[in-house]
Amino acid sequence: EKATPLFQSYLQKYGDGFFKINVQYYLGDCLNQRGYQTEALPHFEYILQQPKNNYTESSLLFASQILMNYNQYSQAVPYLVELETTAEKKTNVLLARKMQIEAYSKLHEFSKLVAVANSYIVTDKVSQDEKRWANMQAAVAYDSLADTTNALVKYRTVAMEYSTSEGSQAKYRVASILFDQKKYDQSVREILSFLEKNSPHQYWLGKAYILWAKIFITRN
């Protein structure tokens, strides 16, 4: 809080001073940490307009996060792509890929989402929870692209963790896709397998029972 006016004063007096890049970054960082994200963004973007420097990687990350927080997904994506390809810190590569998945989901750019999700899953130090999340995002994207073959592969992968919310949803979707393909026997097997697991996620269990009833109706 005390540093902010000092940095602002420096830029007013010495806008082209030797330390302008340093001060632009530190001012942006101070504002960002105090919650003034819209005020911080121009300072990070100033850094990104300069040749690559010590603050480029962090500025890419912070600018992307701010734009994502304000639902400016299409503006965030170029920064995220650059961060993914240029970051020296592996944690920033992970963050860039994860935020790209989120952005492409919001933008309904499913082909790009799938490509990034598949890269994210094989990135070093990705937790099992994050892998499950990314696989589910890819499954839904394939579903939206009407690519049921790859959607089933991803859903089956996620469904192995049936005790989780994503796993229960995936288990149901496998049965549902098979129903849509008129593979009723296979769909019933998936439903029975799901019901036997006694998942704690009652919503998807309920959906499975309704789907089972639909199969009975379809078969008269």
C-alpha atoms as a PDB file:
ATOM      1  CA  GLU A   1       0.000   0.000   0.000  1.00  0.00           C
ATOM      2  CA  LYS A   2       2.824   2.381   0.849  1.00  0.00           C
ATOM      3  CA  ALA A   3       4.848   1.418  -2.215  1.00  0.00           C
ATOM      4  CA  THR A   4       2.061   2.104  -4.727  1.00  0.00           C
ATOM      5  CA  PRO A   5       2.137   5.933  -4.609  1.00  0.00           C
ATOM      6  CA  LEU A   6       5.940   5.910  -4.662  1.00  0.00           C
ATOM      7  CA  PHE A   7       6.000   3.851  -7.871  1.00  0.00           C
ATOM      8  CA  GLN A   8       3.291   6.065  -9.371  1.00  0.00           C
ATOM      9  CA  SER A   9       5.306   9.153  -8.477  1.00  0.00           C
ATOM     10  CA  TYR A  10       8.419   7.696 -10.124  1.00  0.00           C
ATOM     11  CA  LEU A  11       6.549   7.066 -13.391  1.00  0.00           C
ATOM     12  CA  GLN A  12       5.106  10.584 -13.357  1.00  0.00           C
ATOM     13  CA  LYS A  13       8.512  12.154 -12.856  1.00  0.00           C
ATOM     14  CA  TYR A  14      10.713   9.738 -14.774  1.00  0.00           C
ATOM     15  CA  GLY A  15       8.420   8.037 -17.282  1.00  0.00           C
ATOM     16  CA  ASP A  16      11.378   7.118 -19.474  1.00  0.00           C
ATOM     17  CA  GLY A  17      13.750   6.503 -16.600  1.00  0.00           C
ATOM     18  CA  PHE A  18      16.229   3.648 -16.506  1.00  0.00           C
ATOM     19  CA  PHE A  19      14.044   1.645 -14.087  1.00  0.00           C
ATOM     20  CA  LYS A  20      10.714   2.160 -15.880  1.00  0.00           C
ATOM     21  CA  ILE A  21      10.250  -1.535 -16.717  1.00  0.00           C
ATOM     22  CA  ASN A  22      11.014  -2.552 -13.133  1.00  0.00           C
ATOM     23  CA  VAL A  23       8.649   0.075 -11.742  1.00  0.00           C
ATOM     24  CA  GLN A  24       5.851  -0.774 -14.178  1.00  0.00           C
ATOM     25  CA  TYR A  25       6.019  -4.387 -13.052  1.00  0.00           C
ATOM     26  CA  TYR A  26       6.255  -3.639  -9.325  1.00  0.00           C
ATOM     27  CA  LEU A  27       3.368  -1.174  -9.544  1.00  0.00           C
ATOM     28  CA  GLY A  28       1.258  -3.736 -11.371  1.00  0.00           C
ATOM     29  CA  ASP A  29       2.161  -6.340  -8.758  1.00  0.00           C
ATOM     30  CA  CYS A  30       1.254  -4.016  -5.877  1.00  0.00           C
ATOM     31  CA  LEU A  31      -2.105  -3.148  -7.419  1.00  0.00           C
ATOM     32  CA  ASN A  32      -2.829  -6.771  -8.227  1.00  0.00           C
ATOM     33  CA  GLN A  33      -2.059  -7.935  -4.697  1.00  0.00           C
ATOM     34  CA  ARG A  34      -4.334  -5.215  -3.308  1.00  0.00           C
ATOM     35  CA  GLY A  35      -7.196  -6.409  -5.515  1.00  0.00           C
ATOM     36  CA  TYR A  36      -7.077  -3.612  -8.095  1.00  0.00           C
ATOM     37  CA  GLN A  37      -6.815  -5.983 -11.014  1.00  0.00           C
ATOM     38  CA  THR A  38      -8.193  -3.736 -13.763  1.00  0.00           C
ATOM     39  CA  GLU A  39      -5.721  -1.030 -12.714  1.00  0.00           C
ATOM     40  CA  ALA A  40      -2.871  -3.553 -12.616  1.00  0.00           C
ATOM     41  CA  LEU A  41      -3.504  -5.009 -16.067  1.00  0.00           C
ATOM     42  CA  PRO A  42      -2.126  -2.085 -18.152  1.00  0.00           C
ATOM     43  CA  HIS A  43       1.162  -2.271 -16.259  1.00  0.00           C
ATOM     44  CA  PHE A  44       1.596  -5.966 -17.025  1.00  0.00           C
ATOM     45  CA  GLU A  45       0.609  -5.364 -20.644  1.00  0.00           C
ATOM     46  CA  TYR A  46       3.210  -2.584 -20.843  1.00  0.00           C
ATOM     47  CA  ILE A  47       5.834  -5.174 -19.862  1.00  0.00           C
ATOM     48  CA  LEU A  48       4.557  -7.514 -22.571  1.00  0.00           C
ATOM     49  CA  GLN A  49       4.951  -4.824 -25.220  1.00  0.00           C
ATOM     50  CA  GLN A  50       8.679  -4.640 -24.469  1.00  0.00           C
ATOM     51  CA  PRO A  51      11.396  -7.068 -25.595  1.00  0.00           C
ATOM     52  CA  LYS A  52      11.574 -10.169 -23.415  1.00  0.00           C
ATOM     53  CA  ASN A  53      12.872  -9.326 -19.970  1.00  0.00           C
ATOM     54  CA  ASN A  54      12.991 -10.657 -16.405  1.00  0.00           C
ATOM     55  CA  TYR A  55       9.328  -9.794 -15.851  1.00  0.00           C
ATOM     56  CA  THR A  56       7.830 -11.179 -19.061  1.00  0.00           C
ATOM     57  CA  GLU A  57       6.909 -14.620 -17.730  1.00  0.00           C
ATOM     58  CA  SER A  58       5.256 -13.307 -14.569  1.00  0.00           C
ATOM     59  CA  SER A  59       3.459 -10.578 -16.521  1.00  0.00           C
ATOM     60  CA  LEU A  60       2.059 -13.166 -18.936  1.00  0.00           C
ATOM     61  CA  LEU A  61       0.744 -15.160 -15.994  1.00  0.00           C
ATOM     62  CA  PHE A  62      -0.779 -12.218 -14.133  1.00  0.00           C
ATOM     63  CA  ALA A  63      -2.299 -10.633 -17.244  1.00  0.00           C
ATOM     64  CA  SER A  64      -3.858 -13.973 -18.199  1.00  0.00           C
ATOM     65  CA  GLN A  65      -5.286 -14.522 -14.730  1.00  0.00           C
ATOM     66  CA  ILE A  66      -6.818 -11.061 -14.626  1.00  0.00           C
ATOM     67  CA  LEU A  67      -8.422 -11.457 -18.051  1.00  0.00           C
ATOM     68  CA  MET A  68      -9.767 -14.887 -17.078  1.00  0.00           C
ATOM     69  CA  ASN A  69     -11.216 -13.450 -13.867  1.00  0.00           C
ATOM     70  CA  TYR A  70     -13.113 -10.881 -15.940  1.00  0.00           C
ATOM     71  CA  ASN A  71     -14.311 -13.477 -18.484  1.00  0.00           C
ATOM     72  CA  GLN A  72     -12.155 -11.993 -21.244  1.00  0.00           C
ATOM     73  CA  TYR A  73     -11.280 -15.442 -22.526  1.00  0.00           C
ATOM     74  CA  SER A  74     -10.449 -14.576 -26.131  1.00  0.00           C
ATOM     75  CA  GLN A  75      -8.020 -11.898 -24.928  1.00  0.00           C
ATOM     76  CA  ALA A  76      -6.438 -14.233 -22.402  1.00  0.00           C
ATOM     77  CA  VAL A  77      -5.752 -17.057 -24.865  1.00  0.00           C
ATOM     78  CA  PRO A  78      -2.841 -15.417 -26.796  1.00  0.00           C
ATOM     79  CA  TYR A  79      -1.063 -14.680 -23.506  1.00  0.00           C
ATOM     80  CA  LEU A  80      -1.683 -18.229 -22.302  1.00  0.00           C
ATOM     81  CA  VAL A  81      -0.335 -19.753 -25.507  1.00  0.00           C
ATOM     82  CA  GLU A  82       2.781 -17.593 -25.254  1.00  0.00           C
ATOM     83  CA  LEU A  83       3.193 -18.501 -21.585  1.00  0.00           C
ATOM     84  CA  GLU A  84       2.917 -22.210 -22.368  1.00  0.00           C
ATOM     85  CA  THR A  85       5.554 -22.050 -25.101  1.00  0.00           C
ATOM     86  CA  THR A  86       8.035 -19.718 -23.406  1.00  0.00           C
ATOM     87  CA  ALA A  87       7.744 -20.356 -19.660  1.00  0.00           C
ATOM     88  CA  GLU A  88      10.875 -21.515 -17.899  1.00  0.00           C
ATOM     89  CA  LYS A  89       8.967 -22.580 -14.771  1.00  0.00           C
ATOM     90  CA  LYS A  90       7.129 -25.891 -15.176  1.00  0.00           C
ATOM     91  CA  THR A  91       4.409 -24.713 -12.801  1.00  0.00           C
ATOM     92  CA  ASN A  92       3.622 -21.867 -15.200  1.00  0.00           C
ATOM     93  CA  VAL A  93       3.390 -24.313 -18.117  1.00  0.00           C
ATOM     94  CA  LEU A  94       0.826 -26.287 -16.113  1.00  0.00           C
ATOM     95  CA  LEU A  95      -1.144 -23.159 -15.222  1.00  0.00           C
ATOM     96  CA  ALA A  96      -1.094 -21.972 -18.838  1.00  0.00           C
ATOM     97  CA  ARG A  97      -2.461 -25.273 -20.106  1.00  0.00           C
ATOM     98  CA  LYS A  98      -5.120 -25.509 -17.407  1.00  0.00           C
ATOM     99  CA  MET A  99      -6.363 -21.983 -18.062  1.00  0.00           C
ATOM    100  CA  GLN A 100      -6.393 -22.659 -21.804  1.00  0.00           C
ATOM    101  CA  ILE A 101      -8.683 -25.629 -21.200  1.00  0.00           C
ATOM    102  CA  GLU A 102     -10.997 -23.395 -19.168  1.00  0.00           C
ATOM    103  CA  ALA A 103     -10.912 -20.628 -21.783  1.00  0.00           C
ATOM    104  CA  TYR A 104     -11.541 -22.930 -24.750  1.00  0.00           C
ATOM    105  CA  SER A 105     -14.452 -24.503 -22.869  1.00  0.00           C
ATOM    106  CA  LYS A 106     -16.064 -21.087 -22.400  1.00  0.00           C
ATOM    107  CA  LEU A 107     -15.345 -20.155 -26.030  1.00  0.00           C
ATOM    108  CA  HIS A 108     -16.694 -23.519 -27.306  1.00  0.00           C
ATOM    109  CA  GLU A 109     -13.448 -24.112 -29.174  1.00  0.00           C
ATOM    110  CA  PHE A 110     -13.553 -27.825 -28.490  1.00  0.00           C
ATOM    111  CA  SER A 111     -10.909 -29.036 -30.937  1.00  0.00           C
ATOM    112  CA  LYS A 112      -8.339 -26.735 -29.342  1.00  0.00           C
ATOM    113  CA  LEU A 113      -9.505 -27.792 -25.882  1.00  0.00           C
ATOM    114  CA  VAL A 114      -8.914 -31.466 -26.669  1.00  0.00           C
ATOM    115  CA  ALA A 115      -5.395 -30.804 -27.958  1.00  0.00           C
ATOM    116  CA  VAL A 116      -4.402 -28.844 -24.854  1.00  0.00           C
ATOM    117  CA  ALA A 117      -6.110 -31.291 -22.469  1.00  0.00           C
ATOM    118  CA  ASN A 118      -4.185 -34.208 -23.942  1.00  0.00           C
ATOM    119  CA  SER A 119      -0.930 -32.270 -23.487  1.00  0.00           C
ATOM    120  CA  TYR A 120      -1.893 -31.286 -19.946  1.00  0.00           C
ATOM    121  CA  ILE A 121      -2.588 -34.875 -18.892  1.00  0.00           C
ATOM    122  CA  VAL A 122       0.958 -36.014 -19.772  1.00  0.00           C
ATOM    123  CA  THR A 123       2.687 -32.982 -18.246  1.00  0.00           C
ATOM    124  CA  ASP A 124       5.025 -33.729 -15.355  1.00  0.00           C
ATOM    125  CA  LYS A 125       3.689 -33.329 -11.819  1.00  0.00           C
ATOM    126  CA  VAL A 126      -0.004 -33.261 -12.750  1.00  0.00           C
ATOM    127  CA  SER A 127      -2.011 -34.700  -9.861  1.00  0.00           C
ATOM    128  CA  GLN A 128      -4.499 -37.524 -10.328  1.00  0.00           C
ATOM    129  CA  ASP A 129      -7.359 -35.138  -9.545  1.00  0.00           C
ATOM    130  CA  GLU A 130      -6.171 -32.761 -12.266  1.00  0.00           C
ATOM    131  CA  LYS A 131      -5.786 -35.613 -14.756  1.00  0.00           C
ATOM    132  CA  ARG A 132      -9.345 -36.719 -14.027  1.00  0.00           C
ATOM    133  CA  TRP A 133     -10.601 -33.161 -14.480  1.00  0.00           C
ATOM    134  CA  ALA A 134      -8.750 -32.748 -17.789  1.00  0.00           C
ATOM    135  CA  ASN A 135      -9.940 -36.112 -19.096  1.00  0.00           C
ATOM    136  CA  MET A 136     -13.501 -35.119 -18.250  1.00  0.00           C
ATOM    137  CA  GLN A 137     -13.103 -31.786 -20.024  1.00  0.00           C
ATOM    138  CA  ALA A 138     -11.784 -33.638 -23.081  1.00  0.00           C
ATOM    139  CA  ALA A 139     -14.638 -36.154 -22.934  1.00  0.00           C
ATOM    140  CA  VAL A 140     -17.250 -33.392 -22.898  1.00  0.00           C
ATOM    141  CA  ALA A 141     -15.432 -31.639 -25.746  1.00  0.00           C
ATOM    142  CA  TYR A 142     -15.383 -34.794 -27.861  1.00  0.00           C
ATOM    143  CA  ASP A 143     -19.067 -35.217 -27.026  1.00  0.00           C
ATOM    144  CA  SER A 144     -19.761 -31.682 -28.253  1.00  0.00           C
ATOM    145  CA  LEU A 145     -17.869 -32.469 -31.465  1.00  0.00           C
ATOM    146  CA  ALA A 146     -20.070 -35.564 -31.940  1.00  0.00           C
ATOM    147  CA  ASP A 147     -16.930 -37.721 -31.757  1.00  0.00           C
ATOM    148  CA  THR A 148     -18.485 -40.483 -29.680  1.00  0.00           C
ATOM    149  CA  THR A 149     -15.581 -42.884 -30.242  1.00  0.00           C
ATOM    150  CA  ASN A 150     -13.057 -40.666 -28.480  1.00  0.00           C
ATOM    151  CA  ALA A 151     -15.675 -39.422 -26.029  1.00  0.00           C
ATOM    152  CA  LEU A 152     -16.289 -43.001 -24.886  1.00  0.00           C
ATOM    153  CA  VAL A 153     -12.566 -43.596 -24.436  1.00  0.00           C
ATOM    154  CA  LYS A 154     -12.262 -40.532 -22.210  1.00  0.00           C
ATOM    155  CA  TYR A 155     -15.483 -41.197 -20.309  1.00  0.00           C
ATOM    156  CA  ARG A 156     -14.397 -44.788 -19.609  1.00  0.00           C
ATOM    157  CA  THR A 157     -11.063 -43.509 -18.288  1.00  0.00           C
ATOM    158  CA  VAL A 158     -12.779 -41.095 -15.910  1.00  0.00           C
ATOM    159  CA  ALA A 159     -15.458 -43.658 -14.968  1.00  0.00           C
ATOM    160  CA  MET A 160     -12.845 -45.882 -13.367  1.00  0.00           C
ATOM    161  CA  GLU A 161     -12.917 -43.410 -10.475  1.00  0.00           C
ATOM    162  CA  TYR A 162     -16.662 -43.867 -10.015  1.00  0.00           C
ATOM    163  CA  SER A 163     -16.674 -42.621  -6.403  1.00  0.00           C
ATOM    164  CA  THR A 164     -15.899 -39.084  -7.627  1.00  0.00           C
ATOM    165  CA  SER A 165     -18.453 -36.692  -9.079  1.00  0.00           C
ATOM    166  CA  GLU A 166     -16.766 -36.735 -12.495  1.00  0.00           C
ATOM    167  CA  GLY A 167     -16.479 -40.510 -12.385  1.00  0.00           C
ATOM    168  CA  SER A 168     -20.198 -40.923 -11.695  1.00  0.00           C
ATOM    169  CA  GLN A 169     -21.110 -38.506 -14.465  1.00  0.00           C
ATOM    170  CA  ALA A 170     -18.766 -40.317 -16.857  1.00  0.00           C
ATOM    171  CA  LYS A 171     -20.204 -43.717 -15.938  1.00  0.00           C
ATOM    172  CA  TYR A 172     -23.678 -42.431 -16.750  1.00  0.00           C
ATOM    173  CA  ARG A 173     -22.553 -40.867 -20.023  1.00  0.00           C
ATOM    174  CA  VAL A 174     -21.037 -44.165 -21.195  1.00  0.00           C
ATOM    175  CA  ALA A 175     -24.403 -45.865 -20.682  1.00  0.00           C
ATOM    176  CA  SER A 176     -26.221 -42.935 -22.288  1.00  0.00           C
ATOM    177  CA  ILE A 177     -24.066 -42.937 -25.419  1.00  0.00           C
ATOM    178  CA  LEU A 178     -24.521 -46.677 -25.816  1.00  0.00           C
ATOM    179  CA  PHE A 179     -28.284 -46.137 -25.485  1.00  0.00           C
ATOM    180  CA  ASP A 180     -28.185 -43.481 -28.221  1.00  0.00           C
ATOM    181  CA  GLN A 181     -26.309 -45.986 -30.390  1.00  0.00           C
ATOM    182  CA  LYS A 182     -29.115 -48.510 -29.752  1.00  0.00           C
ATOM    183  CA  LYS A 183     -26.667 -50.848 -28.009  1.00  0.00           C
ATOM    184  CA  TYR A 184     -29.192 -51.585 -25.298  1.00  0.00           C
ATOM    185  CA  ASP A 185     -27.583 -54.696 -23.835  1.00  0.00           C
ATOM    186  CA  GLN A 186     -24.264 -52.894 -23.416  1.00  0.00           C
ATOM    187  CA  SER A 187     -26.037 -49.881 -21.950  1.00  0.00           C
ATOM    188  CA  VAL A 188     -27.819 -52.065 -19.384  1.00  0.00           C
ATOM    189  CA  ARG A 189     -24.537 -53.692 -18.393  1.00  0.00           C
ATOM    190  CA  GLU A 190     -23.023 -50.269 -17.782  1.00  0.00           C
ATOM    191  CA  ILE A 191     -26.049 -49.189 -15.754  1.00  0.00           C
ATOM    192  CA  LEU A 192     -26.005 -52.320 -13.595  1.00  0.00           C
ATOM    193  CA  SER A 193     -22.264 -51.978 -13.093  1.00  0.00           C
ATOM    194  CA  PHE A 194     -22.788 -48.372 -11.989  1.00  0.00           C
ATOM    195  CA  LEU A 195     -25.632 -49.226  -9.597  1.00  0.00           C
ATOM    196  CA  GLU A 196     -23.572 -52.001  -8.018  1.00  0.00           C
ATOM    197  CA  LYS A 197     -20.805 -49.502  -7.233  1.00  0.00           C
ATOM    198  CA  ASN A 198     -23.171 -47.696  -4.841  1.00  0.00           C
ATOM    199  CA  SER A 199     -21.854 -44.276  -5.845  1.00  0.00           C
ATOM    200  CA  PRO A 200     -22.402 -41.493  -3.291  1.00  0.00           C
ATOM    201  CA  HIS A 201     -23.474 -39.167  -6.107  1.00  0.00           C
ATOM    202  CA  GLN A 202     -27.224 -39.687  -6.079  1.00  0.00           C
ATOM    203  CA  TYR A 203     -27.996 -37.386  -9.001  1.00  0.00           C
ATOM    204  CA  TRP A 204     -26.161 -39.607 -11.482  1.00  0.00           C
ATOM    205  CA  LEU A 205     -27.585 -42.755  -9.902  1.00  0.00           C
ATOM    206  CA  GLY A 206     -31.045 -41.298 -10.420  1.00  0.00           C
ATOM    207  CA  LYS A 207     -30.235 -40.517 -14.042  1.00  0.00           C
ATOM    208  CA  ALA A 208     -29.051 -44.104 -14.502  1.00  0.00           C
ATOM    209  CA  TYR A 209     -32.355 -45.480 -13.182  1.00  0.00           C
ATOM    210  CA  ILE A 210     -34.284 -43.207 -15.557  1.00  0.00           C
ATOM    211  CA  LEU A 211     -32.115 -44.367 -18.471  1.00  0.00           C
ATOM    212  CA  TRP A 212     -32.756 -47.994 -17.483  1.00  0.00           C
ATOM    213  CA  ALA A 213     -36.503 -47.282 -17.554  1.00  0.00           C
ATOM    214  CA  LYS A 214     -36.137 -45.752 -21.025  1.00  0.00           C
ATOM    215  CA  ILE A 215     -34.549 -48.975 -22.246  1.00  0.00           C
ATOM    216  CA  PHE A 216     -37.535 -50.982 -20.942  1.00  0.00           C
ATOM    217  CA  ILE A 217     -39.914 -48.568 -22.696  1.00  0.00           C
ATOM    218  CA  THR A 218     -37.935 -48.725 -25.943  1.00  0.00           C
ATOM    219  CA  ARG A 219     -38.101 -52.527 -25.843  1.00  0.00           C
ATOM    220  CA  ASN A 220     -41.800 -52.467 -24.972  1.00  0.00           C
END
